[in-house]
Amino acid sequence: MNKPENPAPNQNRHQPEEDQEAICEAVKALIPAYALGATDPQEEALIKAHLEHCPEALAELASYAALNEALLYSAPPAEAPRELGERLRRSLGSTRAAAPTASPRPGLLARVAGLFSGLAGPSFSLGQAVTALAVLALVVTNFYWGAQVQALRTEQARLAQQLDRQVTAMGLIMTAQEVKRVNLPPAQEASPAHAELVWSPENRVAMLYAEAFPPLPPDKAYQLWLIRGDERISGGLFRVNEDGQGILVVEAPEPLDHFDGFGITPEPATGSPGPTASPVVKG
């Protein structure tokens, strides 16, 4: 009697691995759509069910999270605060304990956090937990430094524009045929503050140089007033550095020769329609 042939052992042994590889390829292919919030519930369920067994898909998700569309500028790597890991563990614990809330299109950061907290079940190994925390730490750190870089770029652009205005104003004054100067002495006794206003009668642009002014808090700024009788017209706002030095490009509504005098007072950072404090200098 002929014995029945045994099935090929290699085929049975490798079949589950091949199935898992196919699933992981499908999960990996869905990661870009998931990062954009374009997956349907069935696709999200597939990702959540198999992501922990697909290291390549997990790494790709981390890359998309780090390059989230809200992060416009890359930043140099930075070490996460020591307490960040503990805060993330507490956050993951509170996420599992909290009731789910409906969100039509949550942000990528929130969806990554929710995905990893959902994976943190009995089968979630210590290595996978560390990977999840590392990904979240990377995302949080990149968002923080991205915001810092954005603020620095904005400030750099503002300073560049300010410097360009100063150079233009100095060029107009230096090339003029006639230049006038007005010294503004301190308005308070024993105050070292003083300023100088330089302009040309040929145009309405002037330069104000302030020295030894008291530094102000962030919600305050110095405001120049053009004085004519009882009338006070704003000449602009400026701040001083730690040494009390400041520069202001003045674009007057009319030639400065038409005014009787000038004064500077501390005002709110957004400016005032008229002086609200005693002058620091006046002349």
Protein backbone atom coordinates (compact mmCIF):
# COMPACT_ATOMS: atom_id res chain seq x y z
CA MET A 1 0.00 0.00 0.00
CA ASN A 2 1.25 3.35 -0.89
CA LYS A 3 1.61 5.74 2.03
CA PRO A 4 -0.02 9.13 1.64
CA GLU A 5 2.47 11.78 0.88
CA ASN A 6 3.10 14.25 3.70
CA PRO A 7 2.56 17.88 2.87
CA ALA A 8 5.68 19.86 2.25
CA PRO A 9 6.82 20.89 5.74
CA ASN A 10 8.48 24.07 4.54
CA GLN A 11 5.27 25.28 2.96
CA ASN A 12 3.29 24.96 6.20
CA ARG A 13 6.05 26.34 8.32
CA HIS A 14 6.55 29.49 6.22
CA GLN A 15 2.93 30.18 5.39
CA PRO A 16 2.18 32.18 8.60
CA GLU A 17 5.35 34.25 8.11
CA GLU A 18 4.37 34.99 4.54
CA ASP A 19 0.88 36.00 5.67
CA GLN A 20 2.33 38.30 8.32
CA GLU A 21 4.69 39.86 5.79
CA ALA A 22 1.76 40.56 3.49
CA ILE A 23 -0.22 42.12 6.34
CA CYS A 24 2.74 44.28 7.32
CA GLU A 25 3.13 45.45 3.74
CA ALA A 26 -0.55 46.41 3.71
CA VAL A 27 -0.19 48.25 7.03
CA LYS A 28 2.94 50.05 5.82
CA ALA A 29 1.13 51.12 2.63
CA LEU A 30 -1.64 52.67 4.74
CA ILE A 31 0.70 54.72 6.96
CA PRO A 32 0.86 57.82 4.65
CA ALA A 33 -2.94 57.93 4.42
CA TYR A 34 -3.22 57.42 8.18
CA ALA A 35 -0.80 60.30 8.81
CA LEU A 36 -3.11 62.55 6.75
CA GLY A 37 -6.26 61.26 8.45
CA ALA A 38 -7.48 59.70 5.20
CA THR A 39 -8.03 56.11 6.38
CA ASP A 40 -11.47 54.65 7.01
CA PRO A 41 -12.43 52.80 10.24
CA GLN A 42 -11.62 49.36 8.78
CA GLU A 43 -8.16 50.49 7.70
CA GLU A 44 -7.50 52.06 11.10
CA ALA A 45 -8.59 48.84 12.79
CA LEU A 46 -6.12 46.90 10.61
CA ILE A 47 -3.30 49.28 11.58
CA LYS A 48 -4.09 49.07 15.29
CA ALA A 49 -4.34 45.27 15.21
CA HIS A 50 -1.03 44.60 13.46
CA LEU A 51 1.23 47.64 13.92
CA GLU A 52 3.02 46.20 16.94
CA HIS A 53 4.16 43.24 14.79
CA CYS A 54 5.35 45.43 11.89
CA PRO A 55 8.52 47.32 12.88
CA GLU A 56 8.97 48.92 9.46
CA ALA A 57 5.44 50.34 9.53
CA LEU A 58 6.00 51.56 13.09
CA ALA A 59 9.19 53.33 12.06
CA GLU A 60 7.46 54.92 9.08
CA LEU A 61 4.66 56.18 11.33
CA ALA A 62 7.29 57.75 13.58
CA SER A 63 8.80 59.52 10.57
CA TYR A 64 5.45 60.93 9.49
CA ALA A 65 4.73 62.05 13.05
CA ALA A 66 8.08 63.85 13.26
CA LEU A 67 7.42 65.57 9.93
CA ASN A 68 3.85 66.53 10.76
CA GLU A 69 2.38 69.23 8.52
CA ALA A 70 2.28 71.69 11.44
CA LEU A 71 6.09 71.54 11.76
CA LEU A 72 7.17 73.98 9.04
CA TYR A 73 10.83 74.16 9.91
CA SER A 74 13.27 71.48 10.97
CA ALA A 75 15.22 72.01 14.15
CA PRO A 76 18.50 70.66 15.55
CA PRO A 77 18.02 67.58 17.75
CA ALA A 78 17.64 68.27 21.44
CA GLU A 79 17.62 66.05 24.48
CA ALA A 80 14.15 65.68 25.93
CA PRO A 81 13.64 66.88 29.54
CA ARG A 82 14.23 64.18 32.14
CA GLU A 83 10.69 64.44 33.43
CA LEU A 84 9.17 63.96 29.95
CA GLY A 85 9.14 60.17 30.19
CA GLU A 86 7.22 60.20 33.46
CA ARG A 87 4.72 62.72 32.09
CA LEU A 88 4.18 60.57 29.00
CA ARG A 89 3.61 57.46 31.12
CA ARG A 90 1.03 59.31 33.20
CA SER A 91 -0.55 60.64 30.02
CA LEU A 92 -0.78 57.15 28.50
CA GLY A 93 -2.34 55.81 31.70
CA SER A 94 -4.93 58.58 31.84
CA THR A 95 -5.71 58.06 28.14
CA ARG A 96 -6.56 54.40 28.75
CA ALA A 97 -8.72 55.29 31.74
CA ALA A 98 -10.60 58.14 30.08
CA ALA A 99 -13.79 57.65 28.08
CA PRO A 100 -13.30 57.96 24.29
CA THR A 101 -14.35 61.22 22.71
CA ALA A 102 -15.51 61.70 19.16
CA SER A 103 -13.33 63.68 16.83
CA PRO A 104 -14.01 64.01 13.09
CA ARG A 105 -10.36 64.54 12.11
CA PRO A 106 -7.94 64.55 15.08
CA GLY A 107 -4.43 65.85 14.62
CA LEU A 108 -1.62 63.44 13.88
CA LEU A 109 -0.05 63.90 17.32
CA ALA A 110 -3.33 63.02 19.07
CA ARG A 111 -3.94 60.03 16.79
CA VAL A 112 -0.41 58.68 17.34
CA ALA A 113 -0.83 59.01 21.11
CA GLY A 114 -4.21 57.30 20.94
CA LEU A 115 -2.82 54.51 18.75
CA PHE A 116 0.06 53.78 21.08
CA SER A 117 -2.15 53.93 24.19
CA GLY A 118 -4.53 51.46 22.51
CA LEU A 119 -1.63 49.10 21.81
CA ALA A 120 -0.56 49.16 25.45
CA GLY A 121 -2.41 45.97 26.34
CA PRO A 122 -1.27 42.68 27.92
CA SER A 123 0.62 41.70 24.74
CA PHE A 124 2.47 45.03 24.53
CA SER A 125 6.09 44.21 25.32
CA LEU A 126 8.48 46.43 27.24
CA GLY A 127 10.48 47.10 24.08
CA GLN A 128 7.38 48.19 22.21
CA ALA A 129 6.39 50.45 25.10
CA VAL A 130 9.83 52.08 25.03
CA THR A 131 9.51 52.54 21.26
CA ALA A 132 6.10 54.17 21.66
CA LEU A 133 7.40 56.54 24.33
CA ALA A 134 10.44 57.37 22.18
CA VAL A 135 8.21 58.23 19.23
CA LEU A 136 5.99 60.45 21.36
CA ALA A 137 9.03 62.13 22.89
CA LEU A 138 10.40 62.77 19.38
CA VAL A 139 7.11 64.31 18.22
CA VAL A 140 6.72 66.50 21.30
CA THR A 141 10.35 67.65 21.15
CA ASN A 142 10.14 68.45 17.42
CA PHE A 143 6.94 70.44 17.90
CA TYR A 144 8.51 72.43 20.74
CA TRP A 145 11.71 73.26 18.87
CA GLY A 146 9.77 73.88 15.67
CA ALA A 147 7.80 76.57 17.48
CA GLN A 148 11.03 78.06 18.85
CA VAL A 149 12.60 78.16 15.38
CA GLN A 150 9.46 79.76 13.95
CA ALA A 151 9.58 82.48 16.63
CA LEU A 152 13.29 83.10 15.97
CA ARG A 153 12.73 83.36 12.22
CA THR A 154 9.90 85.82 12.76
CA GLU A 155 12.06 87.94 15.05
CA GLN A 156 14.96 87.75 12.58
CA ALA A 157 12.72 88.99 9.77
CA ARG A 158 11.47 91.85 11.95
CA LEU A 159 15.01 92.92 12.88
CA ALA A 160 16.14 92.73 9.24
CA GLN A 161 13.26 94.97 8.17
CA GLN A 162 14.02 97.39 10.99
CA LEU A 163 17.70 97.53 10.04
CA ASP A 164 16.79 98.16 6.39
CA ARG A 165 14.61 101.12 7.40
CA GLN A 166 17.42 102.54 9.55
CA VAL A 167 19.97 102.25 6.75
CA THR A 168 17.59 103.93 4.30
CA ALA A 169 16.85 106.77 6.71
CA MET A 170 20.55 107.32 7.45
CA GLY A 171 21.25 107.44 3.73
CA LEU A 172 18.60 110.12 3.17
CA ILE A 173 19.94 112.23 6.02
CA MET A 174 23.65 111.82 5.25
CA THR A 175 23.20 112.84 1.60
CA ALA A 176 21.02 115.87 2.38
CA GLN A 177 22.38 119.37 1.90
CA GLU A 178 21.21 120.50 5.36
CA VAL A 179 20.94 118.48 8.57
CA LYS A 180 19.31 119.61 11.81
CA ARG A 181 19.77 118.22 15.32
CA VAL A 182 17.72 118.60 18.49
CA ASN A 183 19.00 117.41 21.86
CA LEU A 184 16.36 116.11 24.27
CA PRO A 185 17.64 116.45 27.85
CA PRO A 186 16.19 114.47 30.80
CA ALA A 187 12.83 115.71 32.03
CA GLN A 188 13.42 114.36 35.57
CA GLU A 189 16.10 115.50 37.98
CA ALA A 190 19.12 113.21 38.37
CA SER A 191 18.05 111.15 35.37
CA PRO A 192 20.85 110.17 32.97
CA ALA A 193 18.42 109.65 30.06
CA HIS A 194 18.92 111.80 26.98
CA ALA A 195 18.16 111.59 23.26
CA GLU A 196 19.02 113.25 19.98
CA LEU A 197 16.79 113.78 16.95
CA VAL A 198 18.48 114.22 13.55
CA TRP A 199 16.70 115.06 10.30
CA SER A 200 16.91 116.96 7.07
CA PRO A 201 14.42 119.69 6.19
CA GLU A 202 14.33 118.22 2.67
CA ASN A 203 12.30 115.20 3.79
CA ARG A 204 10.12 113.96 6.63
CA VAL A 205 12.40 111.15 7.75
CA ALA A 206 14.36 111.50 10.99
CA MET A 207 16.50 109.33 13.27
CA LEU A 208 16.08 109.29 17.03
CA TYR A 209 18.97 108.07 19.20
CA ALA A 210 18.13 107.30 22.86
CA GLU A 211 20.74 106.80 25.58
CA ALA A 212 20.54 105.69 29.25
CA PHE A 213 16.78 105.08 29.15
CA PRO A 214 15.37 102.77 31.85
CA PRO A 215 14.51 99.34 30.33
CA LEU A 216 10.79 98.63 30.27
CA PRO A 217 8.75 95.44 30.83
CA PRO A 218 7.48 93.59 27.72
CA ASP A 219 4.06 95.24 27.89
CA LYS A 220 5.58 98.75 27.69
CA ALA A 221 7.41 100.76 25.03
CA TYR A 222 8.69 104.31 24.59
CA GLN A 223 6.67 106.64 22.39
CA LEU A 224 7.95 109.79 20.70
CA TRP A 225 5.64 112.80 20.65
CA LEU A 226 5.77 115.67 18.16
CA ILE A 227 4.62 118.76 20.05
CA ARG A 228 2.86 121.77 18.63
CA GLY A 229 1.01 123.93 21.14
CA ASP A 230 -1.43 121.62 22.95
CA GLU A 231 -1.27 119.06 20.16
CA ARG A 232 0.65 115.78 20.58
CA ILE A 233 1.28 113.64 17.48
CA SER A 234 2.86 110.19 17.77
CA GLY A 235 6.26 109.85 16.12
CA GLY A 236 6.50 106.09 16.68
CA LEU A 237 7.33 103.43 19.26
CA PHE A 238 10.69 101.98 20.20
CA ARG A 239 12.38 99.85 22.85
CA VAL A 240 15.80 100.05 24.43
CA ASN A 241 18.31 97.31 25.13
CA GLU A 242 19.75 96.39 28.52
CA ASP A 243 22.10 99.38 28.31
CA GLY A 244 19.20 101.77 27.74
CA GLN A 245 20.04 102.40 24.07
CA GLY A 246 17.42 102.61 21.34
CA ILE A 247 16.96 103.82 17.75
CA LEU A 248 13.77 104.94 16.05
CA VAL A 249 13.15 105.83 12.42
CA VAL A 250 10.63 108.68 12.46
CA GLU A 251 8.32 109.15 9.49
CA ALA A 252 6.59 112.41 10.36
CA PRO A 253 3.24 113.42 8.82
CA GLU A 254 4.80 116.80 7.96
CA PRO A 255 8.26 118.42 8.11
CA LEU A 256 9.70 118.36 11.65
CA ASP A 257 10.47 122.07 11.40
CA HIS A 258 6.73 122.69 11.81
CA PHE A 259 6.74 121.41 15.41
CA ASP A 260 7.62 123.32 18.59
CA GLY A 261 9.31 120.46 20.43
CA PHE A 262 9.57 116.77 21.12
CA GLY A 263 9.11 114.45 24.11
CA ILE A 264 9.27 110.75 24.96
CA THR A 265 7.05 108.93 27.45
CA PRO A 266 6.66 105.26 28.48
CA GLU A 267 3.38 103.90 27.10
CA PRO A 268 1.65 100.56 26.51
CA ALA A 269 3.44 98.38 23.94
CA THR A 270 0.70 99.05 21.38
CA GLY A 271 0.98 102.84 21.78
CA SER A 272 -1.37 105.53 23.06
CA PRO A 273 -3.36 108.25 21.31
CA GLY A 274 -1.80 110.75 23.70
CA PRO A 275 0.80 110.80 26.52
CA THR A 276 -0.31 108.92 29.65
CA ALA A 277 2.89 109.24 31.70
CA SER A 278 5.50 111.81 32.61
CA PRO A 279 8.15 112.39 29.94
CA VAL A 280 11.56 110.80 30.24
CA VAL A 281 13.16 113.43 27.98
CA LYS A 282 11.78 116.62 26.46
CA GLY A 283 13.20 119.39 24.34
